[in-house]
Amino acid sequence: MTVRYTPATRGVTGALIVTCDTPIGTQHVVLSGRTGGFDPPDPEAPPTLPVNLTLQPTLINFGPVPAGQTRTVTLHINNATGRPIRISVAASTSGPFRWPVVTRTMNSERYSINIQFTSTGAMLNAALIITSDTPASPQRVPVTGKGVGGFPTPARPPASWRAQQGRGHVVGLIGLGADDSPAGGRSQL
C-alpha cells in the first residue's frame, strides 16, 4: 500500500483506517506530517521576481588586441525586479580602459554601456563597479585586455641570405641585396 502526503496547509494531521477480513479486525493508523514550515506555493500567485540586477557578460575579456588599436565590448545591465532601481557607475576616462559615467533610475529595462580598450602592448586588468539600491550592491565586473605587439618590418628585406663562417662553423647569416652586396640584414646563430 502506498500513502501519499500532499498537504494544502501547514500542520495537517489525519487518520488512516485499514479494514481487513482477518482475526485481528479493524486497525487504526495515525498519520501526521509537516510541510517544513512553509505554505505550499499558490498556483494563482504571481511569479517571484529577482531582487538584483543581472549583468551580461559578468566578465569582460577583450582578448588579444594589437598595440595601438581599440576594441569595444558592450555590458548589458538588466532590471527584472519589477521596481525602479537607481544605478551609478563611476567613469573611466583615462588609461587603456574607458567607459562613461552612469547615473540613472532603471525601470524594467535593459541598459547598455560601451567599454573600450586601447592596447598599450601589455596585459591589463581593471574593474567596473555598479552601485545600486539592490542587496548585491556593489556589483563588480572584472575587465581584462591583452595588448600584443608586432615585429617591425624591415624597409627593404634582403633578396637572399649567405652563411657567415667562423672557425669552421656557420655563426650567422648575412642578408644580400639583388647585386649580392650586404643589404644590412644580419642574424646571429
C-alpha atoms as a PDB file:
ATOM      1  CA  MET A   1       0.000   0.000   0.000  1.00  0.00           C
ATOM      2  CA  THR A   2       1.321   3.452  -0.898  1.00  0.00           C
ATOM      3  CA  VAL A   3       0.296   6.505   1.086  1.00  0.00           C
ATOM      4  CA  ARG A   4       0.982   9.923  -0.407  1.00  0.00           C
ATOM      5  CA  TYR A   5       1.133  13.085   1.727  1.00  0.00           C
ATOM      6  CA  THR A   6       0.216  16.328  -0.088  1.00  0.00           C
ATOM      7  CA  PRO A   7      -0.933  18.922   2.469  1.00  0.00           C
ATOM      8  CA  ALA A   8      -2.803  22.055   1.441  1.00  0.00           C
ATOM      9  CA  THR A   9      -1.689  23.978   4.561  1.00  0.00           C
ATOM     10  CA  ARG A  10       0.759  23.648   7.453  1.00  0.00           C
ATOM     11  CA  GLY A  11       0.266  21.251  10.359  1.00  0.00           C
ATOM     12  CA  VAL A  12      -2.177  18.837   8.717  1.00  0.00           C
ATOM     13  CA  THR A  13      -2.998  15.638  10.625  1.00  0.00           C
ATOM     14  CA  GLY A  14      -5.332  12.798   9.740  1.00  0.00           C
ATOM     15  CA  ALA A  15      -6.170   9.161  10.306  1.00  0.00           C
ATOM     16  CA  LEU A  16      -5.993   6.143   8.057  1.00  0.00           C
ATOM     17  CA  ILE A  17      -8.378   3.328   8.843  1.00  0.00           C
ATOM     18  CA  VAL A  18      -7.464  -0.072   7.460  1.00  0.00           C
ATOM     19  CA  THR A  19     -10.255  -2.667   7.384  1.00  0.00           C
ATOM     20  CA  CYS A  20      -9.500  -6.254   6.579  1.00  0.00           C
ATOM     21  CA  ASP A  21     -11.030  -9.744   6.920  1.00  0.00           C
ATOM     22  CA  THR A  22      -8.635 -11.201   9.455  1.00  0.00           C
ATOM     23  CA  PRO A  23      -8.940 -12.244  13.052  1.00  0.00           C
ATOM     24  CA  ILE A  24      -7.278  -9.015  14.181  1.00  0.00           C
ATOM     25  CA  GLY A  25     -10.185  -6.907  12.900  1.00  0.00           C
ATOM     26  CA  THR A  26     -10.099  -3.163  12.231  1.00  0.00           C
ATOM     27  CA  GLN A  27      -6.826  -1.307  12.762  1.00  0.00           C
ATOM     28  CA  HIS A  28      -6.249   2.466  13.042  1.00  0.00           C
ATOM     29  CA  VAL A  29      -3.051   4.110  11.827  1.00  0.00           C
ATOM     30  CA  VAL A  30      -2.492   7.764  12.751  1.00  0.00           C
ATOM     31  CA  LEU A  31      -0.747   9.860  10.111  1.00  0.00           C
ATOM     32  CA  SER A  32       0.795  13.284  10.538  1.00  0.00           C
ATOM     33  CA  GLY A  33       3.247  15.352   8.590  1.00  0.00           C
ATOM     34  CA  ARG A  34       4.888  18.742   8.284  1.00  0.00           C
ATOM     35  CA  THR A  35       5.425  20.946   5.303  1.00  0.00           C
ATOM     36  CA  GLY A  36       8.715  22.281   6.658  1.00  0.00           C
ATOM     37  CA  GLY A  37       7.175  25.469   7.978  1.00  0.00           C
ATOM     38  CA  PHE A  38       6.339  26.888   4.566  1.00  0.00           C
ATOM     39  CA  ASP A  39       2.968  27.105   2.950  1.00  0.00           C
ATOM     40  CA  PRO A  40       2.830  25.329  -0.399  1.00  0.00           C
ATOM     41  CA  PRO A  41       3.105  27.673  -3.384  1.00  0.00           C
ATOM     42  CA  ASP A  42      -0.085  29.302  -4.537  1.00  0.00           C
ATOM     43  CA  PRO A  43      -0.572  28.485  -8.227  1.00  0.00           C
ATOM     44  CA  GLU A  44      -2.556  31.721  -8.598  1.00  0.00           C
ATOM     45  CA  ALA A  45       0.232  33.900  -7.108  1.00  0.00           C
ATOM     46  CA  PRO A  46       2.396  35.998  -9.455  1.00  0.00           C
ATOM     47  CA  PRO A  47       5.941  34.688 -10.057  1.00  0.00           C
ATOM     48  CA  THR A  48       8.703  35.708  -7.661  1.00  0.00           C
ATOM     49  CA  LEU A  49      10.877  38.410  -9.217  1.00  0.00           C
ATOM     50  CA  PRO A  50      14.664  38.673  -8.806  1.00  0.00           C
ATOM     51  CA  VAL A  51      15.901  41.226  -6.284  1.00  0.00           C
ATOM     52  CA  ASN A  52      19.187  42.103  -8.033  1.00  0.00           C
ATOM     53  CA  LEU A  53      20.325  43.404 -11.386  1.00  0.00           C
ATOM     54  CA  THR A  54      21.683  40.876 -13.866  1.00  0.00           C
ATOM     55  CA  LEU A  55      24.807  41.657 -15.860  1.00  0.00           C
ATOM     56  CA  GLN A  56      25.876  40.258 -19.236  1.00  0.00           C
ATOM     57  CA  PRO A  57      28.685  39.432 -19.540  1.00  0.00           C
ATOM     58  CA  THR A  58      29.846  39.013 -15.942  1.00  0.00           C
ATOM     59  CA  LEU A  59      33.497  39.223 -17.083  1.00  0.00           C
ATOM     60  CA  ILE A  60      34.736  41.432 -19.902  1.00  0.00           C
ATOM     61  CA  ASN A  61      37.751  39.968 -21.687  1.00  0.00           C
ATOM     62  CA  PHE A  62      38.917  41.902 -24.732  1.00  0.00           C
ATOM     63  CA  GLY A  63      41.338  39.128 -25.694  1.00  0.00           C
ATOM     64  CA  PRO A  64      44.474  39.989 -27.651  1.00  0.00           C
ATOM     65  CA  VAL A  65      44.403  43.468 -29.208  1.00  0.00           C
ATOM     66  CA  PRO A  66      47.313  44.742 -31.339  1.00  0.00           C
ATOM     67  CA  ALA A  67      49.209  47.626 -29.734  1.00  0.00           C
ATOM     68  CA  GLY A  68      47.670  50.999 -30.579  1.00  0.00           C
ATOM     69  CA  GLN A  69      44.306  49.555 -31.663  1.00  0.00           C
ATOM     70  CA  THR A  70      40.952  49.925 -29.865  1.00  0.00           C
ATOM     71  CA  ARG A  71      38.244  47.316 -29.328  1.00  0.00           C
ATOM     72  CA  THR A  72      34.756  47.883 -27.839  1.00  0.00           C
ATOM     73  CA  VAL A  73      32.633  45.449 -25.795  1.00  0.00           C
ATOM     74  CA  THR A  74      29.111  46.167 -24.546  1.00  0.00           C
ATOM     75  CA  LEU A  75      27.995  45.443 -20.975  1.00  0.00           C
ATOM     76  CA  HIS A  76      24.241  44.904 -20.589  1.00  0.00           C
ATOM     77  CA  ILE A  77      22.539  45.707 -17.261  1.00  0.00           C
ATOM     78  CA  ASN A  78      19.083  44.148 -16.883  1.00  0.00           C
ATOM     79  CA  ASN A  79      16.462  45.164 -14.328  1.00  0.00           C
ATOM     80  CA  ALA A  80      13.805  42.455 -13.995  1.00  0.00           C
ATOM     81  CA  THR A  81      12.999  43.260 -10.342  1.00  0.00           C
ATOM     82  CA  GLY A  82       9.656  44.824 -11.159  1.00  0.00           C
ATOM     83  CA  ARG A  83      10.613  48.067  -9.410  1.00  0.00           C
ATOM     84  CA  PRO A  84      12.735  51.122 -10.277  1.00  0.00           C
ATOM     85  CA  ILE A  85      16.419  50.666  -9.393  1.00  0.00           C
ATOM     86  CA  ARG A  86      18.854  53.584  -9.032  1.00  0.00           C
ATOM     87  CA  ILE A  87      22.286  52.752 -10.518  1.00  0.00           C
ATOM     88  CA  SER A  88      25.579  54.582 -10.787  1.00  0.00           C
ATOM     89  CA  VAL A  89      28.908  53.807 -12.416  1.00  0.00           C
ATOM     90  CA  ALA A  90      31.998  55.982 -11.990  1.00  0.00           C
ATOM     91  CA  ALA A  91      33.542  56.916 -15.344  1.00  0.00           C
ATOM     92  CA  SER A  92      36.899  55.685 -16.562  1.00  0.00           C
ATOM     93  CA  THR A  93      38.089  58.400 -18.946  1.00  0.00           C
ATOM     94  CA  SER A  94      41.851  57.940 -18.997  1.00  0.00           C
ATOM     95  CA  GLY A  95      44.101  54.954 -19.417  1.00  0.00           C
ATOM     96  CA  PRO A  96      43.567  51.911 -21.611  1.00  0.00           C
ATOM     97  CA  PHE A  97      40.009  51.123 -20.378  1.00  0.00           C
ATOM     98  CA  ARG A  98      37.280  53.734 -20.915  1.00  0.00           C
ATOM     99  CA  TRP A  99      33.580  53.907 -20.130  1.00  0.00           C
ATOM    100  CA  PRO A 100      31.140  56.746 -19.386  1.00  0.00           C
ATOM    101  CA  VAL A 101      29.705  57.882 -16.064  1.00  0.00           C
ATOM    102  CA  VAL A 102      26.224  56.456 -15.479  1.00  0.00           C
ATOM    103  CA  THR A 103      23.689  57.833 -13.003  1.00  0.00           C
ATOM    104  CA  ARG A 104      20.112  56.839 -13.708  1.00  0.00           C
ATOM    105  CA  THR A 105      16.989  55.137 -12.479  1.00  0.00           C
ATOM    106  CA  MET A 106      16.254  51.932 -14.338  1.00  0.00           C
ATOM    107  CA  ASN A 107      12.699  50.727 -14.637  1.00  0.00           C
ATOM    108  CA  SER A 108      12.056  47.239 -16.034  1.00  0.00           C
ATOM    109  CA  GLU A 109      14.514  47.690 -18.852  1.00  0.00           C
ATOM    110  CA  ARG A 110      17.933  46.869 -20.236  1.00  0.00           C
ATOM    111  CA  TYR A 111      20.707  49.452 -20.237  1.00  0.00           C
ATOM    112  CA  SER A 112      23.971  49.078 -22.171  1.00  0.00           C
ATOM    113  CA  ILE A 113      27.414  50.555 -21.532  1.00  0.00           C
ATOM    114  CA  ASN A 114      30.144  50.504 -24.195  1.00  0.00           C
ATOM    115  CA  ILE A 115      33.577  49.752 -22.751  1.00  0.00           C
ATOM    116  CA  GLN A 116      36.690  50.459 -24.811  1.00  0.00           C
ATOM    117  CA  PHE A 117      40.195  49.050 -24.532  1.00  0.00           C
ATOM    118  CA  THR A 118      43.071  50.744 -26.313  1.00  0.00           C
ATOM    119  CA  SER A 119      46.003  48.372 -26.272  1.00  0.00           C
ATOM    120  CA  THR A 120      49.372  49.514 -24.971  1.00  0.00           C
ATOM    121  CA  GLY A 121      51.042  46.187 -25.679  1.00  0.00           C
ATOM    122  CA  ALA A 122      50.696  44.821 -22.117  1.00  0.00           C
ATOM    123  CA  MET A 123      48.293  42.628 -20.127  1.00  0.00           C
ATOM    124  CA  LEU A 124      45.992  44.923 -18.119  1.00  0.00           C
ATOM    125  CA  ASN A 125      43.158  44.446 -15.613  1.00  0.00           C
ATOM    126  CA  ALA A 126      40.517  46.741 -14.143  1.00  0.00           C
ATOM    127  CA  ALA A 127      37.038  46.530 -12.638  1.00  0.00           C
ATOM    128  CA  LEU A 128      33.796  48.303 -13.486  1.00  0.00           C
ATOM    129  CA  ILE A 129      31.780  48.824 -10.283  1.00  0.00           C
ATOM    130  CA  ILE A 130      27.990  49.241 -10.404  1.00  0.00           C
ATOM    131  CA  THR A 131      26.336  50.579  -7.262  1.00  0.00           C
ATOM    132  CA  SER A 132      22.572  50.339  -6.833  1.00  0.00           C
ATOM    133  CA  ASP A 133      19.836  50.015  -4.247  1.00  0.00           C
ATOM    134  CA  THR A 134      19.803  46.209  -4.521  1.00  0.00           C
ATOM    135  CA  PRO A 135      21.089  43.663  -1.968  1.00  0.00           C
ATOM    136  CA  ALA A 136      24.041  42.664  -4.210  1.00  0.00           C
ATOM    137  CA  SER A 137      25.395  46.222  -4.471  1.00  0.00           C
ATOM    138  CA  PRO A 138      28.104  46.961  -5.340  1.00  0.00           C
ATOM    139  CA  GLN A 139      28.398  44.573  -8.286  1.00  0.00           C
ATOM    140  CA  ARG A 140      31.893  44.176  -9.763  1.00  0.00           C
ATOM    141  CA  VAL A 141      32.636  43.321 -13.400  1.00  0.00           C
ATOM    142  CA  PRO A 142      36.294  42.347 -13.987  1.00  0.00           C
ATOM    143  CA  VAL A 143      37.746  43.864 -17.177  1.00  0.00           C
ATOM    144  CA  THR A 144      40.870  42.481 -18.833  1.00  0.00           C
ATOM    145  CA  GLY A 145      42.729  43.142 -22.056  1.00  0.00           C
ATOM    146  CA  LYS A 146      45.930  41.830 -23.516  1.00  0.00           C
ATOM    147  CA  GLY A 147      47.970  44.039 -25.768  1.00  0.00           C
ATOM    148  CA  VAL A 148      50.021  42.268 -28.373  1.00  0.00           C
ATOM    149  CA  GLY A 149      52.940  43.812 -30.235  1.00  0.00           C
ATOM    150  CA  GLY A 150      54.184  43.053 -33.686  1.00  0.00           C
ATOM    151  CA  PHE A 151      57.581  42.684 -35.234  1.00  0.00           C
ATOM    152  CA  PRO A 152      58.911  45.652 -37.189  1.00  0.00           C
ATOM    153  CA  THR A 153      59.012  45.093 -40.924  1.00  0.00           C
ATOM    154  CA  PRO A 154      62.383  45.959 -42.497  1.00  0.00           C
ATOM    155  CA  ALA A 155      62.218  48.784 -45.004  1.00  0.00           C
ATOM    156  CA  ARG A 156      63.747  46.531 -47.665  1.00  0.00           C
ATOM    157  CA  PRO A 157      64.047  42.825 -46.951  1.00  0.00           C
ATOM    158  CA  PRO A 158      67.171  41.031 -48.213  1.00  0.00           C
ATOM    159  CA  ALA A 159      66.923  39.322 -51.607  1.00  0.00           C
ATOM    160  CA  SER A 160      68.850  36.291 -50.281  1.00  0.00           C
ATOM    161  CA  TRP A 161      70.965  35.121 -47.359  1.00  0.00           C
ATOM    162  CA  ARG A 162      74.620  33.958 -47.214  1.00  0.00           C
ATOM    163  CA  ALA A 163      76.116  31.867 -44.426  1.00  0.00           C
ATOM    164  CA  GLN A 164      78.847  33.592 -42.404  1.00  0.00           C
ATOM    165  CA  GLN A 165      81.607  31.144 -41.468  1.00  0.00           C
ATOM    166  CA  GLY A 166      83.548  31.224 -38.207  1.00  0.00           C
ATOM    167  CA  ARG A 167      86.085  28.563 -37.091  1.00  0.00           C
ATOM    168  CA  GLY A 168      84.592  26.011 -39.444  1.00  0.00           C
ATOM    169  CA  HIS A 169      81.009  26.539 -38.288  1.00  0.00           C
ATOM    170  CA  VAL A 170      78.174  28.729 -39.565  1.00  0.00           C
ATOM    171  CA  VAL A 171      77.826  31.530 -36.986  1.00  0.00           C
ATOM    172  CA  GLY A 172      75.406  33.856 -38.714  1.00  0.00           C
ATOM    173  CA  LEU A 173      73.535  34.811 -41.842  1.00  0.00           C
ATOM    174  CA  ILE A 174      74.114  37.945 -43.904  1.00  0.00           C
ATOM    175  CA  GLY A 175      71.280  39.433 -45.917  1.00  0.00           C
ATOM    176  CA  LEU A 176      72.270  40.181 -49.519  1.00  0.00           C
ATOM    177  CA  GLY A 177      70.806  42.670 -51.941  1.00  0.00           C
ATOM    178  CA  ALA A 178      69.979  41.898 -55.572  1.00  0.00           C
ATOM    179  CA  ASP A 179      73.645  42.515 -56.541  1.00  0.00           C
ATOM    180  CA  ASP A 180      74.971  40.150 -53.803  1.00  0.00           C
ATOM    181  CA  SER A 181      76.251  43.061 -51.662  1.00  0.00           C
ATOM    182  CA  PRO A 182      75.321  43.047 -47.930  1.00  0.00           C
ATOM    183  CA  ALA A 183      71.834  44.541 -47.504  1.00  0.00           C
ATOM    184  CA  GLY A 184      72.067  45.173 -43.769  1.00  0.00           C
ATOM    185  CA  GLY A 185      70.177  42.090 -42.663  1.00  0.00           C
ATOM    186  CA  ARG A 186      72.235  40.013 -40.187  1.00  0.00           C
ATOM    187  CA  SER A 187      71.223  37.178 -37.942  1.00  0.00           C
ATOM    188  CA  GLN A 188      73.424  35.563 -35.283  1.00  0.00           C
ATOM    189  CA  LEU A 189      73.050  31.814 -34.809  1.00  0.00           C
END
